[in-house]
Amino acid sequence: MARSKGLGAIAFADHNSVGNVEEGFRLSGEFGIEFFSCLELNTFHNGLDLHILAFSIDPRSQALKNWLESIHQKKQEQANKRVEKLNELGFVFTWDDLRKFSGDRLPTGMSFLKAILSREENRHDPRLQPYINGERSQSPYVSFYRDYLRGGKPAFVEMEDISTIAAIRRIKELGAISVLAHPSDTAEENIQDLVENGLEGLEVYSPYHNAQEQEAFAAFAKKQGLLITAGSDFHGKAVKPDVELGGVEGDHFAILLNLKERQKKKRWKKNP
């Protein structure tokens, strides 16, 4: 897909996993597209669910593997509590219902909504109609996650030990580059706080940002000496049908060159 769109480079930023990074490096040689390692972490700061990208992460690091295993266990506990909260809100489903759609993976917003809609008891719930054939039906799974599971929402479950600041510091210890993803709903004072605690970059170019926001974030990043990155946040047609791979303005090759220049200063870098 990346080659057909004429992209010169790509990164897989899977949530809380580097399981596909080595495959990305292998495929980059096969398809002639430069690949950059990355990881997207779900973290929390001042009640906000913030996503931190770790560019140039070493997937072979045992310290990273241990950290991600700890995060996985905490995410499992969080998923269990989310089921309880959604049950308290009146949605009838069980952990077994959820497993039918998540399998052995951690459940996502898609898994939760599918599990809920799989039960006859929920199908006529007026709260779910927008996701079935209403205003939220274009991207129902992402919308359900944002409406119910994100920070400040009815089924939000905080994971206090995965704080954004602690994650930024751990990323630095691992020799990677920390970047705040799609910061459109993050107040400037929170971003400033993260910068003061070691944040190295800002995802300025994103489908979540309009032209005015992109200009403002670019100006902020330049003033703070932050790296500027771009991300389409492509999840595939099943999850985000309105988001195209690489479909973000400002996505130019200079971003990769700047990342590589910063990478040279880190402890680990992937050989070509």
C-alpha atoms as a PDB file:
ATOM      1  CA  MET A   1       0.000   0.000   0.000  1.00  0.00           C
ATOM      2  CA  ALA A   2       2.786   2.423   0.890  1.00  0.00           C
ATOM      3  CA  ARG A   3       4.620   1.746  -2.362  1.00  0.00           C
ATOM      4  CA  SER A   4       1.453   2.166  -4.416  1.00  0.00           C
ATOM      5  CA  LYS A   5       0.974   5.585  -2.822  1.00  0.00           C
ATOM      6  CA  GLY A   6       4.546   6.630  -3.582  1.00  0.00           C
ATOM      7  CA  LEU A   7       5.678   6.852   0.027  1.00  0.00           C
ATOM      8  CA  GLY A   8       9.422   6.922   0.596  1.00  0.00           C
ATOM      9  CA  ALA A   9       9.329   5.828   4.234  1.00  0.00           C
ATOM     10  CA  ILE A  10       6.942   4.335   6.758  1.00  0.00           C
ATOM     11  CA  ALA A  11       6.757   3.498  10.474  1.00  0.00           C
ATOM     12  CA  PHE A  12       4.482   1.020  12.231  1.00  0.00           C
ATOM     13  CA  ALA A  13       3.465   2.549  15.557  1.00  0.00           C
ATOM     14  CA  ASP A  14       1.486  -0.272  17.151  1.00  0.00           C
ATOM     15  CA  HIS A  15      -0.010   0.334  20.573  1.00  0.00           C
ATOM     16  CA  ASN A  16       2.133  -1.057  23.392  1.00  0.00           C
ATOM     17  CA  SER A  17       3.841  -3.550  21.068  1.00  0.00           C
ATOM     18  CA  VAL A  18       6.915  -3.858  18.844  1.00  0.00           C
ATOM     19  CA  GLY A  19       5.870  -7.253  17.520  1.00  0.00           C
ATOM     20  CA  ASN A  20       5.799  -6.038  13.908  1.00  0.00           C
ATOM     21  CA  VAL A  21       8.961  -3.934  13.870  1.00  0.00           C
ATOM     22  CA  GLU A  22      11.363  -6.655  12.737  1.00  0.00           C
ATOM     23  CA  GLU A  23       8.914  -7.609   9.987  1.00  0.00           C
ATOM     24  CA  GLY A  24       8.816  -3.959   8.952  1.00  0.00           C
ATOM     25  CA  PHE A  25      12.579  -3.894   8.499  1.00  0.00           C
ATOM     26  CA  ARG A  26      12.419  -7.074   6.401  1.00  0.00           C
ATOM     27  CA  LEU A  27       9.647  -5.734   4.194  1.00  0.00           C
ATOM     28  CA  SER A  28      11.392  -2.391   3.722  1.00  0.00           C
ATOM     29  CA  GLY A  29      14.157  -4.131   1.836  1.00  0.00           C
ATOM     30  CA  GLU A  30      11.693  -6.145  -0.224  1.00  0.00           C
ATOM     31  CA  PHE A  31       9.628  -3.124  -1.261  1.00  0.00           C
ATOM     32  CA  GLY A  32      12.343  -0.467  -1.374  1.00  0.00           C
ATOM     33  CA  ILE A  33      10.703   1.746   1.254  1.00  0.00           C
ATOM     34  CA  GLU A  34      12.695   3.069   4.204  1.00  0.00           C
ATOM     35  CA  PHE A  35      11.394   1.824   7.545  1.00  0.00           C
ATOM     36  CA  PHE A  36      11.731   3.528  10.925  1.00  0.00           C
ATOM     37  CA  SER A  37      11.045   1.647  14.152  1.00  0.00           C
ATOM     38  CA  CYS A  38       8.336   3.015  16.404  1.00  0.00           C
ATOM     39  CA  LEU A  39       6.018   2.191  19.299  1.00  0.00           C
ATOM     40  CA  GLU A  40       2.885   3.980  20.516  1.00  0.00           C
ATOM     41  CA  LEU A  41       2.272   3.934  24.257  1.00  0.00           C
ATOM     42  CA  ASN A  42      -0.990   4.669  26.043  1.00  0.00           C
ATOM     43  CA  THR A  43      -0.124   6.911  28.995  1.00  0.00           C
ATOM     44  CA  PHE A  44      -1.904   9.221  31.440  1.00  0.00           C
ATOM     45  CA  HIS A  45      -1.211  12.782  32.525  1.00  0.00           C
ATOM     46  CA  ASN A  46      -3.529  15.066  34.517  1.00  0.00           C
ATOM     47  CA  GLY A  47      -6.474  12.779  33.754  1.00  0.00           C
ATOM     48  CA  LEU A  48      -5.736  12.738  30.021  1.00  0.00           C
ATOM     49  CA  ASP A  49      -5.179   9.626  27.918  1.00  0.00           C
ATOM     50  CA  LEU A  50      -2.064  10.676  25.984  1.00  0.00           C
ATOM     51  CA  HIS A  51      -0.342   8.631  23.301  1.00  0.00           C
ATOM     52  CA  ILE A  52       3.445   8.813  23.240  1.00  0.00           C
ATOM     53  CA  LEU A  53       5.418   7.642  20.213  1.00  0.00           C
ATOM     54  CA  ALA A  54       8.859   6.107  20.718  1.00  0.00           C
ATOM     55  CA  PHE A  55      10.769   6.484  17.462  1.00  0.00           C
ATOM     56  CA  SER A  56      14.025   4.542  16.943  1.00  0.00           C
ATOM     57  CA  ILE A  57      13.037   2.000  19.586  1.00  0.00           C
ATOM     58  CA  ASP A  58      15.135  -1.188  19.667  1.00  0.00           C
ATOM     59  CA  PRO A  59      12.714  -4.169  19.445  1.00  0.00           C
ATOM     60  CA  ARG A  60      15.476  -6.526  20.643  1.00  0.00           C
ATOM     61  CA  SER A  61      15.974  -4.745  23.980  1.00  0.00           C
ATOM     62  CA  GLN A  62      15.251  -7.057  26.916  1.00  0.00           C
ATOM     63  CA  ALA A  63      14.545  -4.026  29.105  1.00  0.00           C
ATOM     64  CA  LEU A  64      11.890  -2.946  26.590  1.00  0.00           C
ATOM     65  CA  LYS A  65      10.378  -6.435  26.476  1.00  0.00           C
ATOM     66  CA  ASN A  66      10.149  -6.541  30.273  1.00  0.00           C
ATOM     67  CA  TRP A  67       8.525  -3.100  30.352  1.00  0.00           C
ATOM     68  CA  LEU A  68       5.970  -3.990  27.689  1.00  0.00           C
ATOM     69  CA  GLU A  69       5.109  -7.227  29.506  1.00  0.00           C
ATOM     70  CA  SER A  70       4.411  -5.201  32.649  1.00  0.00           C
ATOM     71  CA  ILE A  71       2.250  -2.800  30.622  1.00  0.00           C
ATOM     72  CA  HIS A  72       0.391  -5.742  29.071  1.00  0.00           C
ATOM     73  CA  GLN A  73      -0.503  -7.073  32.512  1.00  0.00           C
ATOM     74  CA  LYS A  74      -1.755  -3.653  33.604  1.00  0.00           C
ATOM     75  CA  LYS A  75      -3.758  -3.293  30.383  1.00  0.00           C
ATOM     76  CA  GLN A  76      -5.352  -6.669  31.090  1.00  0.00           C
ATOM     77  CA  GLU A  77      -6.431  -5.432  34.519  1.00  0.00           C
ATOM     78  CA  GLN A  78      -7.727  -2.249  32.911  1.00  0.00           C
ATOM     79  CA  ALA A  79      -9.793  -4.248  30.393  1.00  0.00           C
ATOM     80  CA  ASN A  80     -11.398  -6.248  33.196  1.00  0.00           C
ATOM     81  CA  LYS A  81     -12.372  -3.047  35.003  1.00  0.00           C
ATOM     82  CA  ARG A  82     -13.723  -1.550  31.767  1.00  0.00           C
ATOM     83  CA  VAL A  83     -16.077  -4.520  31.426  1.00  0.00           C
ATOM     84  CA  GLU A  84     -17.289  -3.884  34.973  1.00  0.00           C
ATOM     85  CA  LYS A  85     -17.823  -0.164  34.331  1.00  0.00           C
ATOM     86  CA  LEU A  86     -19.708  -0.766  31.091  1.00  0.00           C
ATOM     87  CA  ASN A  87     -21.868  -3.342  32.879  1.00  0.00           C
ATOM     88  CA  GLU A  88     -22.623  -0.746  35.560  1.00  0.00           C
ATOM     89  CA  LEU A  89     -23.696   1.621  32.778  1.00  0.00           C
ATOM     90  CA  GLY A  90     -26.266  -0.970  31.694  1.00  0.00           C
ATOM     91  CA  PHE A  91     -24.504  -2.644  28.765  1.00  0.00           C
ATOM     92  CA  VAL A  92     -25.063  -6.400  29.035  1.00  0.00           C
ATOM     93  CA  PHE A  93     -22.033  -8.501  28.062  1.00  0.00           C
ATOM     94  CA  THR A  94     -19.319 -10.632  29.642  1.00  0.00           C
ATOM     95  CA  TRP A  95     -15.596 -11.161  29.372  1.00  0.00           C
ATOM     96  CA  ASP A  96     -16.309 -14.285  27.306  1.00  0.00           C
ATOM     97  CA  ASP A  97     -18.319 -12.156  24.852  1.00  0.00           C
ATOM     98  CA  LEU A  98     -15.371  -9.809  24.581  1.00  0.00           C
ATOM     99  CA  ARG A  99     -12.891 -12.639  23.952  1.00  0.00           C
ATOM    100  CA  LYS A 100     -14.903 -13.737  20.912  1.00  0.00           C
ATOM    101  CA  PHE A 101     -13.782 -10.539  19.186  1.00  0.00           C
ATOM    102  CA  SER A 102     -10.400  -9.803  20.813  1.00  0.00           C
ATOM    103  CA  GLY A 103      -9.064 -13.356  20.841  1.00  0.00           C
ATOM    104  CA  ASP A 104      -5.729 -13.513  22.638  1.00  0.00           C
ATOM    105  CA  ARG A 105      -5.093  -9.801  22.061  1.00  0.00           C
ATOM    106  CA  LEU A 106      -5.962  -6.975  24.410  1.00  0.00           C
ATOM    107  CA  PRO A 107      -9.490  -5.761  23.604  1.00  0.00           C
ATOM    108  CA  THR A 108      -9.837  -2.506  21.681  1.00  0.00           C
ATOM    109  CA  GLY A 109     -12.752  -0.126  21.207  1.00  0.00           C
ATOM    110  CA  MET A 110     -13.766  -2.359  18.293  1.00  0.00           C
ATOM    111  CA  SER A 111     -13.799  -5.448  20.507  1.00  0.00           C
ATOM    112  CA  PHE A 112     -15.917  -3.760  23.173  1.00  0.00           C
ATOM    113  CA  LEU A 113     -18.513  -2.387  20.771  1.00  0.00           C
ATOM    114  CA  LYS A 114     -18.780  -5.654  18.835  1.00  0.00           C
ATOM    115  CA  ALA A 115     -19.205  -7.619  22.062  1.00  0.00           C
ATOM    116  CA  ILE A 116     -21.924  -5.260  23.259  1.00  0.00           C
ATOM    117  CA  LEU A 117     -23.775  -5.320  19.932  1.00  0.00           C
ATOM    118  CA  SER A 118     -23.548  -9.122  19.808  1.00  0.00           C
ATOM    119  CA  ARG A 119     -26.005  -9.333  22.699  1.00  0.00           C
ATOM    120  CA  GLU A 120     -29.706  -9.007  21.877  1.00  0.00           C
ATOM    121  CA  GLU A 121     -30.285  -7.144  25.140  1.00  0.00           C
ATOM    122  CA  ASN A 122     -28.293  -4.156  23.870  1.00  0.00           C
ATOM    123  CA  ARG A 123     -29.431  -3.818  20.281  1.00  0.00           C
ATOM    124  CA  HIS A 124     -32.311  -1.453  20.988  1.00  0.00           C
ATOM    125  CA  ASP A 125     -30.408   0.679  23.493  1.00  0.00           C
ATOM    126  CA  PRO A 126     -30.805   4.275  22.191  1.00  0.00           C
ATOM    127  CA  ARG A 127     -27.236   5.053  23.276  1.00  0.00           C
ATOM    128  CA  LEU A 128     -25.952   2.596  20.671  1.00  0.00           C
ATOM    129  CA  GLN A 129     -28.025   3.754  17.712  1.00  0.00           C
ATOM    130  CA  PRO A 130     -25.551   6.485  16.661  1.00  0.00           C
ATOM    131  CA  TYR A 131     -22.902   3.757  16.179  1.00  0.00           C
ATOM    132  CA  ILE A 132     -25.244   1.503  14.194  1.00  0.00           C
ATOM    133  CA  ASN A 133     -26.893   3.855  11.708  1.00  0.00           C
ATOM    134  CA  GLY A 134     -26.432   7.362  13.068  1.00  0.00           C
ATOM    135  CA  GLU A 135     -23.895  10.158  13.216  1.00  0.00           C
ATOM    136  CA  ARG A 136     -21.168   7.944  14.749  1.00  0.00           C
ATOM    137  CA  SER A 137     -21.597   5.060  12.288  1.00  0.00           C
ATOM    138  CA  GLN A 138     -18.879   6.178   9.837  1.00  0.00           C
ATOM    139  CA  SER A 139     -16.168   5.209  12.363  1.00  0.00           C
ATOM    140  CA  PRO A 140     -18.203   3.406  15.040  1.00  0.00           C
ATOM    141  CA  TYR A 141     -15.377   1.640  16.867  1.00  0.00           C
ATOM    142  CA  VAL A 142     -13.102   4.643  17.213  1.00  0.00           C
ATOM    143  CA  SER A 143     -16.082   6.787  18.170  1.00  0.00           C
ATOM    144  CA  PHE A 144     -17.167   4.332  20.873  1.00  0.00           C
ATOM    145  CA  TYR A 145     -13.646   4.326  22.300  1.00  0.00           C
ATOM    146  CA  ARG A 146     -13.603   8.126  22.377  1.00  0.00           C
ATOM    147  CA  ASP A 147     -17.106   8.384  23.832  1.00  0.00           C
ATOM    148  CA  TYR A 148     -16.749   5.764  26.577  1.00  0.00           C
ATOM    149  CA  LEU A 149     -13.185   4.569  27.189  1.00  0.00           C
ATOM    150  CA  ARG A 150     -10.894   7.596  26.917  1.00  0.00           C
ATOM    151  CA  GLY A 151      -9.868   9.825  29.793  1.00  0.00           C
ATOM    152  CA  GLY A 152     -12.799  11.603  31.417  1.00  0.00           C
ATOM    153  CA  LYS A 153     -15.378   9.333  29.753  1.00  0.00           C
ATOM    154  CA  PRO A 154     -17.927   7.092  31.565  1.00  0.00           C
ATOM    155  CA  ALA A 155     -15.942   3.824  31.354  1.00  0.00           C
ATOM    156  CA  PHE A 156     -12.470   5.324  31.692  1.00  0.00           C
ATOM    157  CA  VAL A 157     -10.103   3.325  33.894  1.00  0.00           C
ATOM    158  CA  GLU A 158      -6.837   5.026  34.793  1.00  0.00           C
ATOM    159  CA  MET A 159      -3.538   3.178  34.960  1.00  0.00           C
ATOM    160  CA  GLU A 160      -1.669   5.375  37.392  1.00  0.00           C
ATOM    161  CA  ASP A 161       1.671   3.602  37.044  1.00  0.00           C
ATOM    162  CA  ILE A 162       1.925   4.337  33.292  1.00  0.00           C
ATOM    163  CA  SER A 163       2.262   8.087  33.580  1.00  0.00           C
ATOM    164  CA  THR A 164       3.264  10.094  30.537  1.00  0.00           C
ATOM    165  CA  ILE A 165       6.265  11.653  32.251  1.00  0.00           C
ATOM    166  CA  ALA A 166       7.536   8.272  33.458  1.00  0.00           C
ATOM    167  CA  ALA A 167       7.086   6.885  29.934  1.00  0.00           C
ATOM    168  CA  ILE A 168       9.049   9.772  28.404  1.00  0.00           C
ATOM    169  CA  ARG A 169      11.906   9.143  30.818  1.00  0.00           C
ATOM    170  CA  ARG A 170      11.870   5.395  30.146  1.00  0.00           C
ATOM    171  CA  ILE A 171      11.902   6.000  26.385  1.00  0.00           C
ATOM    172  CA  LYS A 172      14.981   8.177  26.811  1.00  0.00           C
ATOM    173  CA  GLU A 173      16.678   5.478  28.905  1.00  0.00           C
ATOM    174  CA  LEU A 174      16.002   3.009  26.086  1.00  0.00           C
ATOM    175  CA  GLY A 175      17.729   5.290  23.588  1.00  0.00           C
ATOM    176  CA  ALA A 176      14.556   6.202  21.685  1.00  0.00           C
ATOM    177  CA  ILE A 177      12.876   9.501  20.758  1.00  0.00           C
ATOM    178  CA  SER A 178       9.651  10.524  22.525  1.00  0.00           C
ATOM    179  CA  VAL A 179       6.964  12.318  20.503  1.00  0.00           C
ATOM    180  CA  LEU A 180       3.452  13.308  21.586  1.00  0.00           C
ATOM    181  CA  ALA A 181       0.949  11.918  19.066  1.00  0.00           C
ATOM    182  CA  HIS A 182      -2.064  13.890  17.730  1.00  0.00           C
ATOM    183  CA  PRO A 183      -2.027  16.559  20.491  1.00  0.00           C
ATOM    184  CA  SER A 184      -5.165  18.405  19.358  1.00  0.00           C
ATOM    185  CA  ASP A 185      -7.000  17.683  22.622  1.00  0.00           C
ATOM    186  CA  THR A 186      -3.996  18.361  24.871  1.00  0.00           C
ATOM    187  CA  ALA A 187      -3.868  21.817  26.416  1.00  0.00           C
ATOM    188  CA  GLU A 188      -0.677  23.812  25.839  1.00  0.00           C
ATOM    189  CA  GLU A 189       0.171  23.863  29.547  1.00  0.00           C
ATOM    190  CA  ASN A 190       0.195  20.058  29.569  1.00  0.00           C
ATOM    191  CA  ILE A 191       2.428  19.912  26.496  1.00  0.00           C
ATOM    192  CA  GLN A 192       4.758  22.447  28.115  1.00  0.00           C
ATOM    193  CA  ASP A 193       4.902  20.274  31.223  1.00  0.00           C
ATOM    194  CA  LEU A 194       5.901  17.274  29.099  1.00  0.00           C
ATOM    195  CA  VAL A 195       8.573  19.305  27.281  1.00  0.00           C
ATOM    196  CA  GLU A 196      10.078  20.306  30.616  1.00  0.00           C
ATOM    197  CA  ASN A 197      10.214  16.602  31.483  1.00  0.00           C
ATOM    198  CA  GLY A 198      12.050  15.520  28.349  1.00  0.00           C
ATOM    199  CA  LEU A 199       9.535  15.275  25.488  1.00  0.00           C
ATOM    200  CA  GLU A 200      11.513  15.511  22.231  1.00  0.00           C
ATOM    201  CA  GLY A 201       8.874  15.931  19.529  1.00  0.00           C
ATOM    202  CA  LEU A 202       5.337  16.814  18.519  1.00  0.00           C
ATOM    203  CA  GLU A 203       3.180  15.146  15.874  1.00  0.00           C
ATOM    204  CA  VAL A 204       2.226  18.365  14.129  1.00  0.00           C
ATOM    205  CA  TYR A 205       0.740  16.876  10.968  1.00  0.00           C
ATOM    206  CA  SER A 206      -2.249  14.645  11.662  1.00  0.00           C
ATOM    207  CA  PRO A 207      -5.744  14.162  10.196  1.00  0.00           C
ATOM    208  CA  TYR A 208      -7.041  15.287  13.596  1.00  0.00           C
ATOM    209  CA  HIS A 209      -5.589  18.781  13.073  1.00  0.00           C
ATOM    210  CA  ASN A 210      -6.958  21.493  10.830  1.00  0.00           C
ATOM    211  CA  ALA A 211      -4.638  23.921   9.029  1.00  0.00           C
ATOM    212  CA  GLN A 212      -4.776  26.472  11.827  1.00  0.00           C
ATOM    213  CA  GLU A 213      -3.920  23.870  14.480  1.00  0.00           C
ATOM    214  CA  GLN A 214      -1.045  22.537  12.394  1.00  0.00           C
ATOM    215  CA  GLU A 215       0.383  26.020  12.035  1.00  0.00           C
ATOM    216  CA  ALA A 216       0.086  26.635  15.769  1.00  0.00           C
ATOM    217  CA  PHE A 217       1.674  23.305  16.706  1.00  0.00           C
ATOM    218  CA  ALA A 218       4.498  23.860  14.203  1.00  0.00           C
ATOM    219  CA  ALA A 219       5.222  27.285  15.701  1.00  0.00           C
ATOM    220  CA  PHE A 220       5.167  25.833  19.227  1.00  0.00           C
ATOM    221  CA  ALA A 221       7.495  22.975  18.240  1.00  0.00           C
ATOM    222  CA  LYS A 222       9.991  25.313  16.602  1.00  0.00           C
ATOM    223  CA  LYS A 223       9.947  27.658  19.587  1.00  0.00           C
ATOM    224  CA  GLN A 224      10.573  24.754  21.974  1.00  0.00           C
ATOM    225  CA  GLY A 225      13.197  23.106  19.768  1.00  0.00           C
ATOM    226  CA  LEU A 226      11.068  19.996  19.282  1.00  0.00           C
ATOM    227  CA  LEU A 227      11.155  17.561  16.391  1.00  0.00           C
ATOM    228  CA  ILE A 228       8.158  17.790  14.080  1.00  0.00           C
ATOM    229  CA  THR A 229       6.589  14.541  12.889  1.00  0.00           C
ATOM    230  CA  ALA A 230       3.594  13.442  10.835  1.00  0.00           C
ATOM    231  CA  GLY A 231       1.223  10.510  11.227  1.00  0.00           C
ATOM    232  CA  SER A 232      -1.866   9.492   9.268  1.00  0.00           C
ATOM    233  CA  ASP A 233      -3.047   7.289  12.180  1.00  0.00           C
ATOM    234  CA  PHE A 234      -4.144   4.763   9.567  1.00  0.00           C
ATOM    235  CA  HIS A 235      -5.868   1.752  11.171  1.00  0.00           C
ATOM    236  CA  GLY A 236      -7.415   0.114   8.103  1.00  0.00           C
ATOM    237  CA  LYS A 237     -10.862   0.468   6.586  1.00  0.00           C
ATOM    238  CA  ALA A 238     -12.570  -1.656   9.255  1.00  0.00           C
ATOM    239  CA  VAL A 239     -11.580   0.753  12.028  1.00  0.00           C
ATOM    240  CA  LYS A 240     -11.094   4.150  10.367  1.00  0.00           C
ATOM    241  CA  PRO A 241     -12.664   4.043   6.906  1.00  0.00           C
ATOM    242  CA  ASP A 242     -12.174   7.771   6.388  1.00  0.00           C
ATOM    243  CA  VAL A 243      -8.407   7.733   7.073  1.00  0.00           C
ATOM    244  CA  GLU A 244      -5.997   6.965   4.218  1.00  0.00           C
ATOM    245  CA  LEU A 245      -2.495   5.577   4.624  1.00  0.00           C
ATOM    246  CA  GLY A 246      -0.111   8.531   4.445  1.00  0.00           C
ATOM    247  CA  GLY A 247      -3.087  10.843   3.970  1.00  0.00           C
ATOM    248  CA  VAL A 248      -1.829  13.828   5.929  1.00  0.00           C
ATOM    249  CA  GLU A 249      -0.618  17.217   4.740  1.00  0.00           C
ATOM    250  CA  GLY A 250       2.912  18.224   5.630  1.00  0.00           C
ATOM    251  CA  ASP A 251       4.189  14.652   5.431  1.00  0.00           C
ATOM    252  CA  HIS A 252       7.533  15.347   3.725  1.00  0.00           C
ATOM    253  CA  PHE A 253      10.834  13.460   3.720  1.00  0.00           C
ATOM    254  CA  ALA A 254      12.612  16.108   5.805  1.00  0.00           C
ATOM    255  CA  ILE A 255      10.767  14.715   8.829  1.00  0.00           C
ATOM    256  CA  LEU A 256      12.571  11.396   8.417  1.00  0.00           C
ATOM    257  CA  LEU A 257      15.922  13.100   7.889  1.00  0.00           C
ATOM    258  CA  ASN A 258      15.500  15.062  11.119  1.00  0.00           C
ATOM    259  CA  LEU A 259      14.541  11.897  13.005  1.00  0.00           C
ATOM    260  CA  LYS A 260      17.605  10.119  11.643  1.00  0.00           C
ATOM    261  CA  GLU A 261      19.827  13.015  12.673  1.00  0.00           C
ATOM    262  CA  ARG A 262      18.443  12.799  16.219  1.00  0.00           C
ATOM    263  CA  GLN A 263      18.774   9.015  16.083  1.00  0.00           C
ATOM    264  CA  LYS A 264      22.533   9.311  15.590  1.00  0.00           C
ATOM    265  CA  LYS A 265      22.764  10.775  19.074  1.00  0.00           C
ATOM    266  CA  LYS A 266      20.978   7.809  20.643  1.00  0.00           C
ATOM    267  CA  ARG A 267      22.516   4.611  21.968  1.00  0.00           C
ATOM    268  CA  TRP A 268      20.914   2.327  19.368  1.00  0.00           C
ATOM    269  CA  LYS A 269      20.255   2.624  15.674  1.00  0.00           C
ATOM    270  CA  LYS A 270      19.204   0.032  13.139  1.00  0.00           C
ATOM    271  CA  ASN A 271      21.837  -0.675  10.503  1.00  0.00           C
ATOM    272  CA  PRO A 272      20.588  -0.313   6.891  1.00  0.00           C
END
